[in-house]
Amino acid sequence: MTTRRLCLALLAAGALSAAAPAFTAPAFAAPAFAAPAFAAPAEAAMKRDHDAILGMAGDFKVRFDMRETVAMTPGYKLFEPKVAGGVEAVRVVEDRGDFIGLQHLLVVQDEGKTVVVKHWRQDWTYQPKTVLSYKSAGRWVTAPVSAAERKGAWSQTVWQTDDSPRYGGVGRWAYDNGATRWVSNETLRPLARRDATRHPPYSWYVGQNRHVLTPAGWVHEQDNAKIGLVDGKPVTFAHEIVLNSYTRTAGLTQVQAADDYWAKTKDYWAAVRMAWAETERAKGGMSVREEASNGSMTGPRLMGLADDIAEGKTSTAAATTEARAVIAKETGFGPAS
């Protein structure tokens, strides 16, 4: 992956009881798997949640707005807000009824050229027994979810551009006050690249996610506390609000480039997802080497291999073999716990 193209990815990542009106999932290209069947009425609530999650798929104009709002330690100076945007295609890569995978594909213009960046992925699991959770620098653990916590709930696991882990949380969809929304528990999260590259005094976030369907599309809101160690004790340096707005837009010609890229690389990325999943199962979590400029050390090579497939420079089979070796190398330095 070229340095400039990677920089574009980093900039972007820098990546309920009164009933709301009935929600109709938007039309988009049907995935290549059969729609799940739901029993009525026992699974009606699950189906309602399922349809809400699918409401985040489609074609969107997207705006990323990240702002530190409150300094929490003396002398701390708030960073300037970061705002970016583009066009994002959100595609359903898997739907088993109780599990849904949504892949985001960002399309931006760079020096007059259209560039596709495989962006973040969000996986949703109904009544999960475990969730992959961030624990400390470079380490994630497969954490149990109690029967009470998981009843009627969905986990959301967020993955980085190379399908390495970022964070996971659990929450319930709600439909009161005329809004369709999901709110997570508070979870630990590694620094986003927009912060890590600034070498701040804090080292991780404690954050909460909120996904809300809107008349225009949907929004992803984050409330983050930025935390670091002072004399060996955790201290909050600042609060941050992140508002990622997805405006559903018809006729976006840019999404064709995203779909073309995905058609060429989806089998490779499915194999990469499998390799990460195997690592998690084998180790009860995972440890992944990281660096400020790239996030996971696996990122440049795994994404570069996908670019090579898309450009006809290598085969899916050859790229998959190398990707597995990269993941094994960068996750092979100790147990997750």
Protein backbone atom coordinates (compact mmCIF):
# COMPACT_ATOMS: atom_id res chain seq x y z
CA MET A 1 0.00 0.00 0.00
CA THR A 2 1.48 3.37 -0.96
CA THR A 3 2.33 5.80 1.81
CA ARG A 4 -0.05 8.42 0.38
CA ARG A 5 -2.91 5.96 0.13
CA LEU A 6 -2.29 4.79 3.68
CA CYS A 7 -2.34 8.41 4.86
CA LEU A 8 -5.77 8.82 3.30
CA ALA A 9 -6.96 5.79 5.24
CA LEU A 10 -5.51 7.18 8.47
CA LEU A 11 -7.15 10.55 7.93
CA ALA A 12 -10.53 8.98 7.47
CA ALA A 13 -10.13 6.58 10.39
CA GLY A 14 -8.55 9.56 12.31
CA ALA A 15 -10.52 6.41 11.51
CA LEU A 16 -35.19 1.57 23.41
CA SER A 17 -40.78 1.77 24.80
CA ALA A 18 -43.18 3.75 22.79
CA ALA A 19 -42.87 2.33 19.33
CA ALA A 20 -41.05 4.36 16.70
CA PRO A 21 -42.49 4.40 13.18
CA ALA A 22 -41.97 1.13 11.35
CA PHE A 23 -38.56 1.06 9.65
CA THR A 24 -38.14 -0.28 6.12
CA ALA A 25 -34.66 -1.43 5.19
CA PRO A 26 -33.30 0.42 2.15
CA ALA A 27 -32.92 -1.24 -1.20
CA PHE A 28 -29.40 -2.16 -2.27
CA ALA A 29 -27.72 -5.00 -4.12
CA ALA A 30 -28.71 -8.27 -2.49
CA PRO A 31 -25.85 -10.23 -0.91
CA ALA A 32 -25.11 -13.73 -2.13
CA PHE A 33 -26.57 -15.49 0.91
CA ALA A 34 -30.13 -16.37 1.80
CA ALA A 35 -32.07 -14.07 4.12
CA PRO A 36 -32.58 -15.65 7.57
CA ALA A 37 -35.98 -16.89 8.66
CA PHE A 38 -37.52 -15.61 11.90
CA ALA A 39 -40.21 -17.27 13.99
CA ALA A 40 -43.14 -15.10 15.04
CA PRO A 41 -43.89 -13.78 17.55
CA ALA A 42 -41.06 -15.07 19.82
CA GLU A 43 -38.30 -13.57 17.66
CA ALA A 44 -40.14 -10.40 16.66
CA ALA A 45 -37.94 -8.23 18.89
CA MET A 46 -34.78 -9.78 17.48
CA LYS A 47 -36.01 -9.25 13.93
CA ARG A 48 -36.74 -5.61 14.69
CA ASP A 49 -33.16 -5.16 15.90
CA HIS A 50 -31.86 -7.11 12.91
CA ASP A 51 -33.67 -4.78 10.50
CA ALA A 52 -32.35 -1.72 12.35
CA ILE A 53 -28.78 -2.97 11.91
CA LEU A 54 -29.38 -3.55 8.20
CA GLY A 55 -30.61 0.05 8.08
CA MET A 56 -26.96 1.09 8.29
CA ALA A 57 -26.17 -0.55 4.93
CA GLY A 58 -26.28 1.39 1.68
CA ASP A 59 -24.59 4.33 -0.04
CA PHE A 60 -23.80 7.46 1.94
CA LYS A 61 -22.15 10.82 1.98
CA VAL A 62 -20.19 10.70 5.23
CA ARG A 63 -18.75 13.32 7.54
CA PHE A 64 -16.34 12.56 10.40
CA ASP A 65 -16.21 15.24 13.12
CA MET A 66 -13.89 14.68 16.11
CA ARG A 67 -13.64 17.32 18.86
CA GLU A 68 -12.04 17.49 22.26
CA THR A 69 -14.50 19.39 24.42
CA VAL A 70 -13.23 19.64 28.01
CA ALA A 71 -9.73 19.78 29.48
CA MET A 72 -9.69 17.65 32.63
CA THR A 73 -6.16 18.30 33.91
CA PRO A 74 -4.46 21.66 34.65
CA GLY A 75 -2.48 23.02 31.73
CA TYR A 76 -3.86 20.62 29.13
CA LYS A 77 -4.53 22.36 25.81
CA LEU A 78 -7.32 20.98 23.67
CA PHE A 79 -6.36 19.82 20.18
CA GLU A 80 -8.02 21.48 17.21
CA PRO A 81 -11.09 19.61 15.86
CA LYS A 82 -10.54 17.18 13.00
CA VAL A 83 -13.15 17.00 10.24
CA ALA A 84 -13.02 14.77 7.16
CA GLY A 85 -15.47 13.18 4.77
CA GLY A 86 -16.16 11.40 1.52
CA VAL A 87 -18.49 8.77 0.13
CA GLU A 88 -18.95 5.48 1.95
CA ALA A 89 -20.50 2.26 0.70
CA VAL A 90 -21.62 0.01 3.56
CA ARG A 91 -22.09 -3.57 2.41
CA VAL A 92 -23.52 -6.62 4.17
CA VAL A 93 -20.78 -9.25 4.06
CA GLU A 94 -22.59 -11.80 6.24
CA ASP A 95 -26.10 -12.22 7.64
CA ARG A 96 -27.02 -15.31 9.66
CA GLY A 97 -29.89 -13.67 11.49
CA ASP A 98 -28.15 -13.57 14.87
CA PHE A 99 -24.90 -12.32 13.30
CA ILE A 100 -24.45 -9.47 10.82
CA GLY A 101 -21.20 -8.18 9.34
CA LEU A 102 -21.11 -4.70 7.76
CA GLN A 103 -18.06 -3.65 5.74
CA HIS A 104 -17.42 0.06 5.15
CA LEU A 105 -15.69 1.11 1.92
CA LEU A 106 -14.59 4.74 1.76
CA VAL A 107 -14.18 6.57 -1.56
CA VAL A 108 -12.19 9.83 -1.62
CA GLN A 109 -10.65 12.07 -4.25
CA ASP A 110 -6.88 12.53 -4.14
CA GLU A 111 -5.21 14.80 -6.67
CA GLY A 112 -8.06 14.25 -9.10
CA LYS A 113 -8.04 10.46 -8.74
CA THR A 114 -10.67 8.26 -7.14
CA VAL A 115 -9.20 6.22 -4.28
CA VAL A 116 -11.00 3.36 -2.52
CA VAL A 117 -10.01 2.65 1.08
CA LYS A 118 -11.28 -0.48 2.78
CA HIS A 119 -12.49 1.22 5.93
CA TRP A 120 -13.72 -0.15 9.28
CA ARG A 121 -15.97 -3.16 9.79
CA GLN A 122 -18.69 -3.65 12.38
CA ASP A 123 -19.88 -7.13 13.42
CA TRP A 124 -23.13 -7.57 15.37
CA THR A 125 -23.94 -10.68 17.43
CA TYR A 126 -27.24 -11.34 19.20
CA GLN A 127 -27.06 -12.42 22.85
CA PRO A 128 -23.30 -13.03 22.71
CA LYS A 129 -21.65 -15.33 25.23
CA THR A 130 -18.33 -13.52 24.74
CA VAL A 131 -17.02 -10.29 23.24
CA LEU A 132 -13.51 -9.45 22.07
CA SER A 133 -12.47 -6.55 24.30
CA TYR A 134 -9.48 -4.23 24.37
CA LYS A 135 -7.42 -4.76 27.55
CA SER A 136 -4.15 -2.85 27.25
CA ALA A 137 -1.60 -1.73 24.67
CA GLY A 138 -1.66 -4.25 21.83
CA ARG A 139 -3.79 -6.77 23.75
CA TRP A 140 -7.38 -7.95 23.39
CA VAL A 141 -9.15 -10.66 25.41
CA THR A 142 -12.21 -12.77 24.73
CA ALA A 143 -14.31 -11.64 27.70
CA PRO A 144 -17.39 -13.53 28.95
CA VAL A 145 -20.80 -11.84 28.86
CA SER A 146 -23.14 -12.88 31.68
CA ALA A 147 -26.60 -14.28 30.97
CA ALA A 148 -28.21 -11.13 32.40
CA GLU A 149 -26.01 -8.81 30.33
CA ARG A 150 -26.58 -10.63 27.06
CA LYS A 151 -30.34 -11.19 27.33
CA GLY A 152 -31.93 -9.28 24.44
CA ALA A 153 -28.63 -7.53 23.76
CA TRP A 154 -26.28 -7.29 20.77
CA SER A 155 -22.51 -6.99 20.82
CA GLN A 156 -20.80 -4.73 18.33
CA THR A 157 -17.19 -5.56 17.52
CA VAL A 158 -15.29 -2.94 15.55
CA TRP A 159 -12.35 -3.92 13.35
CA GLN A 160 -9.66 -1.78 11.75
CA THR A 161 -8.97 -1.32 8.05
CA ASP A 162 -6.90 -4.53 7.94
CA ASP A 163 -9.50 -6.48 9.99
CA SER A 164 -7.33 -6.43 13.11
CA PRO A 165 -9.36 -5.70 16.27
CA ARG A 166 -10.19 -2.30 17.70
CA TYR A 167 -12.86 -2.67 20.41
CA GLY A 168 -16.08 -4.45 21.32
CA GLY A 169 -19.10 -3.58 23.44
CA VAL A 170 -22.56 -4.80 24.38
CA GLY A 171 -25.87 -2.92 24.40
CA ARG A 172 -29.55 -3.11 23.54
CA TRP A 173 -31.54 -1.54 20.74
CA ALA A 174 -34.31 0.77 21.99
CA TYR A 175 -37.22 2.45 20.24
CA ASP A 176 -38.68 4.93 22.70
CA ASN A 177 -39.23 8.66 22.21
CA GLY A 178 -39.53 8.23 18.46
CA ALA A 179 -35.91 7.13 18.00
CA THR A 180 -34.26 3.87 16.95
CA ARG A 181 -30.92 3.59 18.73
CA TRP A 182 -28.32 1.27 20.23
CA VAL A 183 -26.07 2.33 23.12
CA SER A 184 -23.04 0.37 24.27
CA ASN A 185 -21.57 -0.11 27.69
CA GLU A 186 -18.39 1.84 28.45
CA THR A 187 -15.37 0.09 26.99
CA LEU A 188 -11.61 0.55 26.78
CA ARG A 189 -10.28 1.44 23.34
CA PRO A 190 -6.80 1.99 21.88
CA LEU A 191 -5.90 5.44 20.63
CA ALA A 192 -7.10 6.28 17.16
CA ARG A 193 -4.34 7.14 14.72
CA ARG A 194 -5.43 10.79 14.70
CA ASP A 195 -4.29 10.94 18.34
CA ALA A 196 -1.48 8.38 18.40
CA THR A 197 0.50 10.28 15.77
CA ARG A 198 0.34 13.43 17.94
CA HIS A 199 2.09 11.63 20.84
CA PRO A 200 -0.34 12.94 23.49
CA PRO A 201 0.02 12.46 27.26
CA TYR A 202 -2.90 10.02 27.30
CA SER A 203 -2.67 6.39 26.18
CA TRP A 204 -6.20 5.00 25.82
CA TYR A 205 -9.89 5.88 25.78
CA VAL A 206 -12.85 4.88 27.87
CA GLY A 207 -15.70 5.32 25.44
CA GLN A 208 -19.35 4.71 24.73
CA ASN A 209 -20.96 4.19 21.32
CA ARG A 210 -24.39 5.28 20.19
CA HIS A 211 -25.87 4.30 16.80
CA VAL A 212 -29.06 6.13 15.83
CA LEU A 213 -31.16 5.80 12.68
CA THR A 214 -32.19 9.22 11.38
CA PRO A 215 -34.54 10.46 8.64
CA ALA A 216 -31.45 11.17 6.52
CA GLY A 217 -29.58 7.91 7.27
CA TRP A 218 -27.81 7.25 10.56
CA VAL A 219 -25.20 8.60 12.94
CA HIS A 220 -22.43 7.00 14.97
CA GLU A 221 -21.72 9.03 18.11
CA GLN A 222 -18.85 8.42 20.52
CA ASP A 223 -18.29 9.88 23.98
CA ASN A 224 -14.61 9.38 24.84
CA ALA A 225 -12.57 10.06 27.95
CA LYS A 226 -8.87 10.28 27.10
CA ILE A 227 -6.84 8.64 29.84
CA GLY A 228 -3.17 8.22 30.68
CA LEU A 229 -0.97 7.43 33.65
CA VAL A 230 0.41 10.07 36.02
CA ASP A 231 2.66 8.71 38.78
CA GLY A 232 1.33 5.26 37.95
CA LYS A 233 -2.33 6.23 38.36
CA PRO A 234 -4.92 6.68 35.58
CA VAL A 235 -5.88 10.31 34.95
CA THR A 236 -8.43 11.76 32.52
CA PHE A 237 -6.82 14.45 30.36
CA ALA A 238 -9.76 15.41 28.15
CA HIS A 239 -13.22 14.52 26.95
CA GLU A 240 -13.99 14.11 23.27
CA ILE A 241 -17.16 13.88 21.19
CA VAL A 242 -17.08 12.12 17.83
CA LEU A 243 -19.99 12.52 15.41
CA ASN A 244 -19.87 10.42 12.24
CA SER A 245 -22.87 11.28 10.04
CA TYR A 246 -24.05 8.99 7.24
CA THR A 247 -26.45 10.67 4.80
CA ARG A 248 -28.15 8.20 2.47
CA THR A 249 -27.73 9.51 -1.07
CA ALA A 250 -28.99 8.08 -4.35
CA GLY A 251 -26.98 8.20 -7.54
CA LEU A 252 -23.50 8.30 -6.02
CA THR A 253 -21.38 7.25 -8.99
CA GLN A 254 -18.30 6.92 -6.77
CA VAL A 255 -19.64 3.77 -5.12
CA GLN A 256 -19.05 1.80 -8.31
CA ALA A 257 -15.33 2.03 -7.63
CA ALA A 258 -15.93 0.63 -4.12
CA ASP A 259 -18.01 -2.25 -5.45
CA ASP A 260 -15.43 -3.03 -8.14
CA TYR A 261 -12.68 -3.14 -5.52
CA TRP A 262 -14.78 -5.35 -3.26
CA ALA A 263 -15.68 -7.76 -6.07
CA LYS A 264 -11.97 -8.31 -6.72
CA THR A 265 -10.83 -8.58 -3.09
CA LYS A 266 -13.76 -9.94 -1.04
CA ASP A 267 -12.51 -13.54 -1.11
CA TYR A 268 -9.10 -12.42 0.12
CA TRP A 269 -10.65 -10.37 2.93
CA ALA A 270 -12.88 -13.29 3.91
CA ALA A 271 -9.74 -15.39 4.33
CA VAL A 272 -8.10 -12.61 6.36
CA ARG A 273 -11.14 -12.43 8.66
CA MET A 274 -10.92 -16.19 9.14
CA ALA A 275 -7.23 -15.96 10.05
CA TRP A 276 -7.94 -13.32 12.70
CA ALA A 277 -10.84 -15.40 14.07
CA GLU A 278 -8.64 -18.49 14.29
CA THR A 279 -6.05 -16.48 16.20
CA GLU A 280 -8.67 -15.29 18.69
CA ARG A 281 -10.03 -18.80 19.25
CA ALA A 282 -6.58 -20.31 19.69
CA LYS A 283 -5.40 -17.73 22.24
CA GLY A 284 -8.57 -16.57 23.97
CA GLY A 285 -7.95 -13.15 22.46
CA MET A 286 -4.88 -11.80 20.74
CA SER A 287 -1.80 -9.62 20.97
CA VAL A 288 -0.99 -7.46 17.96
CA ARG A 289 2.09 -5.34 17.45
CA GLU A 290 1.24 -1.65 16.95
CA GLU A 291 2.83 1.60 15.89
CA ALA A 292 1.45 5.14 15.99
CA SER A 293 1.47 5.86 12.26
CA ASN A 294 -0.16 2.60 11.11
CA GLY A 295 -2.09 1.21 14.05
CA SER A 296 -1.60 -2.53 13.84
CA MET A 297 1.73 -3.50 12.29
CA THR A 298 -0.20 -5.81 9.98
CA GLY A 299 -2.02 -2.91 8.28
CA PRO A 300 0.29 -1.78 5.47
CA ARG A 301 1.06 -5.29 4.25
CA LEU A 302 -2.45 -6.75 4.49
CA MET A 303 -3.97 -3.77 2.71
CA GLY A 304 -1.14 -3.70 0.19
CA LEU A 305 -1.81 -7.32 -0.73
CA ALA A 306 -5.45 -6.44 -1.40
CA ASP A 307 -4.31 -3.59 -3.66
CA ASP A 308 -2.08 -6.03 -5.54
CA ILE A 309 -5.06 -8.35 -6.11
CA ALA A 310 -7.23 -5.47 -7.31
CA GLU A 311 -4.48 -4.38 -9.72
CA GLY A 312 -3.89 -7.91 -11.03
CA LYS A 313 -0.37 -8.15 -9.60
CA THR A 314 -0.99 -11.29 -7.53
CA SER A 315 -3.57 -14.01 -7.02
CA THR A 316 -6.01 -14.34 -4.13
CA ALA A 317 -4.41 -17.66 -3.15
CA ALA A 318 -0.87 -16.25 -3.04
CA ALA A 319 -1.97 -13.13 -1.16
CA THR A 320 -3.90 -15.22 1.37
CA THR A 321 -0.86 -17.37 2.09
CA GLU A 322 1.27 -14.29 2.73
CA ALA A 323 -1.45 -12.62 4.80
CA ARG A 324 -1.66 -15.63 7.10
CA ALA A 325 2.10 -15.50 7.59
CA VAL A 326 1.95 -11.76 8.40
CA ILE A 327 -0.80 -12.28 10.99
CA ALA A 328 1.04 -15.22 12.55
CA LYS A 329 4.24 -13.18 12.83
CA GLU A 330 2.67 -10.05 14.32
CA THR A 331 0.45 -11.89 16.79
CA GLY A 332 3.01 -14.46 17.85
CA PHE A 333 4.73 -12.72 20.75
CA GLY A 334 2.72 -13.92 23.74
CA PRO A 335 -0.74 -14.77 25.03
CA ALA A 336 -3.56 -12.22 25.09
CA SER A 337 -4.06 -12.46 28.86
